[in-house]
Protein backbone atom coordinates (compact mmCIF):
# COMPACT_ATOMS: atom_id res chain seq x y z
CA MET A 1 24.26 -8.55 -1.30
CA TYR A 2 23.81 -9.15 2.42
CA GLU A 3 21.68 -6.00 2.77
CA ILE A 4 19.29 -7.18 0.07
CA TRP A 5 18.93 -10.59 1.72
CA LEU A 6 18.39 -8.93 5.10
CA GLY A 7 15.74 -6.62 3.61
CA MET A 8 13.88 -9.56 2.06
CA ASN A 9 13.93 -11.38 5.39
CA ILE A 10 12.59 -8.32 7.19
CA PHE A 11 9.70 -7.99 4.73
CA TYR A 12 8.95 -11.71 5.13
CA GLU A 13 8.97 -11.53 8.93
CA LEU A 14 6.73 -8.45 8.89
CA ALA A 15 4.29 -10.19 6.57
CA LEU A 16 4.13 -13.17 8.94
CA MET A 17 3.64 -10.93 11.94
CA TYR A 18 0.81 -8.99 10.29
CA LEU A 19 -0.84 -11.96 8.56
CA PRO A 20 -4.19 -11.53 10.38
CA LEU A 21 -4.28 -7.85 9.38
CA LEU A 22 -3.39 -8.76 5.79
CA PHE A 23 -6.26 -11.26 5.81
CA VAL A 24 -8.72 -8.59 7.03
CA VAL A 25 -7.51 -6.13 4.37
CA PHE A 26 -7.97 -8.84 1.74
CA LEU A 27 -11.53 -9.49 2.94
CA VAL A 28 -12.33 -5.76 2.80
CA TRP A 29 -10.87 -5.57 -0.72
CA ALA A 30 -12.87 -8.63 -1.81
CA GLY A 31 -16.05 -7.07 -0.40
CA LEU A 32 -15.35 -3.83 -2.28
CA MET A 33 -14.76 -5.77 -5.48
CA ILE A 34 -18.07 -7.63 -5.07
CA TYR A 35 -19.80 -4.28 -4.48
CA ALA A 36 -18.21 -2.81 -7.61
CA PHE A 37 -19.16 -5.82 -9.73
CA GLN A 38 -22.76 -5.64 -8.51
CA LYS A 39 -23.06 -1.99 -9.48
CA LYS A 40 -21.38 -2.77 -12.84
CA ALA A 41 -18.60 -0.23 -12.34
CA LEU A 42 -16.68 1.45 -15.14
CA TRP A 43 -13.18 0.37 -14.10
CA SER A 44 -11.29 2.50 -16.59
CA ARG A 45 -12.83 5.72 -15.25
CA GLY A 46 -12.00 4.87 -11.66
CA ILE A 47 -8.28 4.36 -12.17
CA LYS A 48 -7.51 8.09 -11.92
CA GLY A 49 -8.94 8.32 -8.41
CA ALA A 50 -7.10 5.17 -7.39
CA ILE A 51 -3.77 6.49 -8.66
CA VAL A 52 -4.22 9.86 -6.94
CA GLY A 53 -5.20 8.13 -3.69
CA GLY A 54 -2.24 5.77 -3.98
CA ILE A 55 0.21 8.64 -4.51
CA ILE A 56 -1.19 10.52 -1.51
CA ALA A 57 -0.98 7.37 0.65
CA THR A 58 2.60 6.76 -0.53
CA ALA A 59 3.65 10.29 0.38
CA ILE A 60 2.01 10.05 3.81
CA ALA A 61 3.58 6.64 4.43
CA PHE A 62 7.02 7.91 3.36
CA LEU A 63 6.83 10.57 6.04
CA ALA A 64 5.02 8.51 8.70
CA VAL A 65 6.83 5.15 8.62
CA PRO A 66 10.07 6.43 10.18
CA TYR A 67 8.06 8.07 12.97
CA ILE A 68 6.01 4.90 13.52
CA THR A 69 9.21 2.85 13.83
CA LYS A 70 10.62 5.37 16.33
CA SER A 71 13.18 6.65 13.86
CA SER A 72 13.47 9.70 11.64
CA LEU A 73 14.30 10.63 8.07
CA GLY A 74 17.58 12.08 9.35
CA GLU A 75 18.77 8.63 10.40
CA LEU A 76 18.64 7.29 6.85
CA GLY A 77 22.30 7.23 5.99
CA TYR A 78 22.68 4.32 3.59
CA TRP A 79 21.17 3.88 0.12
CA PHE A 80 19.42 0.68 1.13
CA ASP A 81 17.60 2.53 3.92
CA TYR A 82 16.03 4.81 1.31
CA VAL A 83 15.18 1.89 -0.97
CA THR A 84 13.50 0.07 1.91
CA LEU A 85 11.52 3.13 2.98
CA ILE A 86 10.40 3.80 -0.60
CA GLY A 87 9.40 0.14 -0.97
CA VAL A 88 7.37 0.13 2.24
CA ALA A 89 5.69 3.43 1.33
CA ALA A 90 4.93 2.16 -2.19
CA MET A 91 3.25 -0.94 -0.75
CA TYR A 92 1.03 1.24 1.44
CA GLY A 93 0.19 3.26 -1.67
CA ALA A 94 -0.58 0.14 -3.69
CA VAL A 95 -2.92 -1.20 -1.01
CA ALA A 96 -4.64 2.18 -0.75
CA ALA A 97 -5.05 2.33 -4.55
CA ALA A 98 -6.49 -1.20 -4.59
CA LEU A 99 -9.02 -0.24 -1.92
CA ILE A 100 -9.92 3.08 -3.55
CA TRP A 101 -10.31 1.78 -7.12
CA PRO A 102 -13.66 -0.03 -6.64
CA LEU A 103 -15.04 2.96 -4.75
CA SER A 104 -13.94 5.54 -7.32
CA SER A 105 -15.30 3.62 -10.30
CA PRO A 106 -18.62 5.15 -11.38
CA LYS A 107 -21.71 3.07 -12.03
CA VAL A 108 -22.72 2.17 -15.61
CA ARG A 109 -25.72 4.23 -16.69
């Protein structure tokens, strides 16, 4: 139980540390959403591109995050290490999918 609590605290502290970056990403996403609404995008047809982009971003993040944190995949020895890495990579993928979705949605004819 301690590991789960520690993981939640780490995510919280990282979110606080990167709050300005999160705000900029939110503004970019809001701008993309406004752009997509103005062009009257077909949201259902753009989901495929968003999912593919999110999966690619997740895979890249899974391999890159240990390197960025000056670690390696070989140092993951405990199950919670893998869960944390998968969670972090999935969040990168979700953000990438959210940013790609408005761009991959075609315009209504």
